Protein backbone atom coordinates (compact mmCIF):
# COMPACT_ATOMS: atom_id res chain seq x y z
CA UNK A 1 7.32 -41.11 -6.23
CA UNK A 2 3.70 -40.55 -5.21
CA UNK A 3 2.00 -43.88 -4.81
CA UNK A 4 -1.61 -43.84 -6.10
CA UNK A 5 -4.31 -45.77 -4.17
CA UNK A 6 -6.80 -48.53 -5.69
CA UNK A 7 -10.15 -46.77 -4.38
CA UNK A 8 -13.09 -47.63 -6.67
CA UNK A 9 -16.26 -45.68 -6.01
CA UNK A 10 -19.35 -45.99 -8.14
CA UNK A 11 -20.61 -42.88 -9.93
CA UNK A 12 -23.59 -42.71 -7.46
CA UNK A 13 -21.62 -42.90 -4.51
CA UNK A 14 -19.51 -39.93 -5.37
CA UNK A 15 -22.62 -38.04 -6.76
CA UNK A 16 -24.16 -38.47 -3.17
CA UNK A 17 -21.16 -37.47 -1.52
CA UNK A 18 -20.76 -34.36 -3.57
CA UNK A 19 -24.38 -33.30 -3.02
CA UNK A 20 -23.77 -33.89 0.81
CA UNK A 21 -20.55 -31.64 0.47
CA UNK A 22 -22.82 -29.06 -1.51
CA UNK A 23 -25.44 -29.03 0.89
CA UNK A 24 -22.77 -28.03 3.42
CA UNK A 25 -21.15 -25.14 1.19
CA UNK A 26 -18.17 -27.34 0.72
CA UNK A 27 -16.53 -27.86 -2.91
CA UNK A 28 -13.82 -30.70 -3.40
CA UNK A 29 -10.71 -29.15 -4.62
CA UNK A 30 -9.89 -32.27 -6.63
CA UNK A 31 -13.10 -31.25 -8.85
CA UNK A 32 -12.60 -29.05 -11.55
CA UNK A 33 -8.49 -29.05 -11.54
CA UNK A 34 -8.15 -27.49 -8.04
CA UNK A 35 -5.29 -29.58 -7.23
CA UNK A 36 -2.20 -31.01 -9.11
CA UNK A 37 0.69 -32.93 -8.04
CA UNK A 38 2.87 -30.07 -9.04
CA UNK A 39 2.05 -26.67 -7.59
CA UNK A 40 0.79 -23.90 -10.45
CA UNK A 41 0.02 -20.65 -10.06
CA UNK A 42 0.07 -17.32 -11.79
CA UNK A 43 0.93 -15.54 -8.73
CA UNK A 44 4.08 -13.57 -8.65
CA UNK A 45 6.41 -12.73 -5.41
CA UNK A 46 5.72 -9.05 -4.08
CA UNK A 47 6.73 -7.19 -1.18
CA UNK A 48 4.31 -4.84 0.37
CA UNK A 49 6.13 -2.19 2.69
CA UNK A 50 4.44 -0.64 5.55
CA UNK A 51 6.33 2.68 4.90
CA UNK A 52 4.45 2.94 1.58
CA UNK A 53 1.20 1.62 2.71
CA UNK A 54 0.65 3.42 6.10
CA UNK A 55 0.15 6.63 4.19
CA UNK A 56 -2.44 5.33 2.00
CA UNK A 57 -4.05 3.71 5.19
CA UNK A 58 -4.11 7.34 6.87
CA UNK A 59 -5.61 8.47 3.52
CA UNK A 60 -8.40 6.05 3.34
CA UNK A 61 -9.51 7.48 6.73
CA UNK A 62 -9.38 11.05 5.48
CA UNK A 63 -11.03 10.26 2.17
CA UNK A 64 -13.96 7.48 2.68
CA UNK A 65 -16.39 8.11 5.74
CA UNK A 66 -18.23 5.48 7.78
CA UNK A 67 -21.37 5.86 5.82
CA UNK A 68 -19.60 4.56 2.71
CA UNK A 69 -17.49 1.84 4.36
CA UNK A 70 -17.70 0.92 8.24
CA UNK A 71 -14.36 -0.26 8.03
CA UNK A 72 -11.61 0.89 5.70
CA UNK A 73 -9.63 -1.90 4.88
CA UNK A 74 -6.77 -2.14 2.24
CA UNK A 75 -6.48 -5.92 0.96
CA UNK A 76 -2.94 -6.92 -0.60
CA UNK A 77 -3.57 -8.29 -3.84
CA UNK A 78 -1.04 -10.29 -6.25
CA UNK A 79 0.11 -8.03 -9.05
CA UNK A 80 -0.50 -11.08 -11.41
CA UNK A 81 -4.16 -11.88 -9.57
CA UNK A 82 -6.25 -8.60 -9.76
CA UNK A 83 -8.82 -8.68 -6.97
CA UNK A 84 -7.57 -11.98 -5.30
CA UNK A 85 -6.77 -11.18 -1.91
CA UNK A 86 -3.33 -12.71 -0.65
CA UNK A 87 -3.55 -15.62 1.55
CA UNK A 88 0.07 -16.06 2.67
CA UNK A 89 1.94 -13.42 4.57
CA UNK A 90 5.20 -14.24 5.69
CA UNK A 91 6.61 -11.68 7.77
CA UNK A 92 10.51 -11.69 7.83
CA UNK A 93 12.15 -11.33 11.19
CA UNK A 94 12.90 -7.89 12.13
CA UNK A 95 16.64 -6.91 12.57
């Protein structure tokens, strides 16, 4: 079982600390429901196959010029999280 600490900080100490973090463009994940003991995610498993994506990447080079986009990058997004880029890519071993 997870053991809880007995740290007691004043509201002012926390506000000062959060202000220092904010000045450095850092947000503590425990503020605003960012971390929980049990993982929670709306993401669903999904597999992107190169044989399906390669033609799309090549088509981007045909349709989108460098005046429109300096780099033609296709981001992998989770089907349940539109607009959110996948951050964990586990490549299975080749057989």
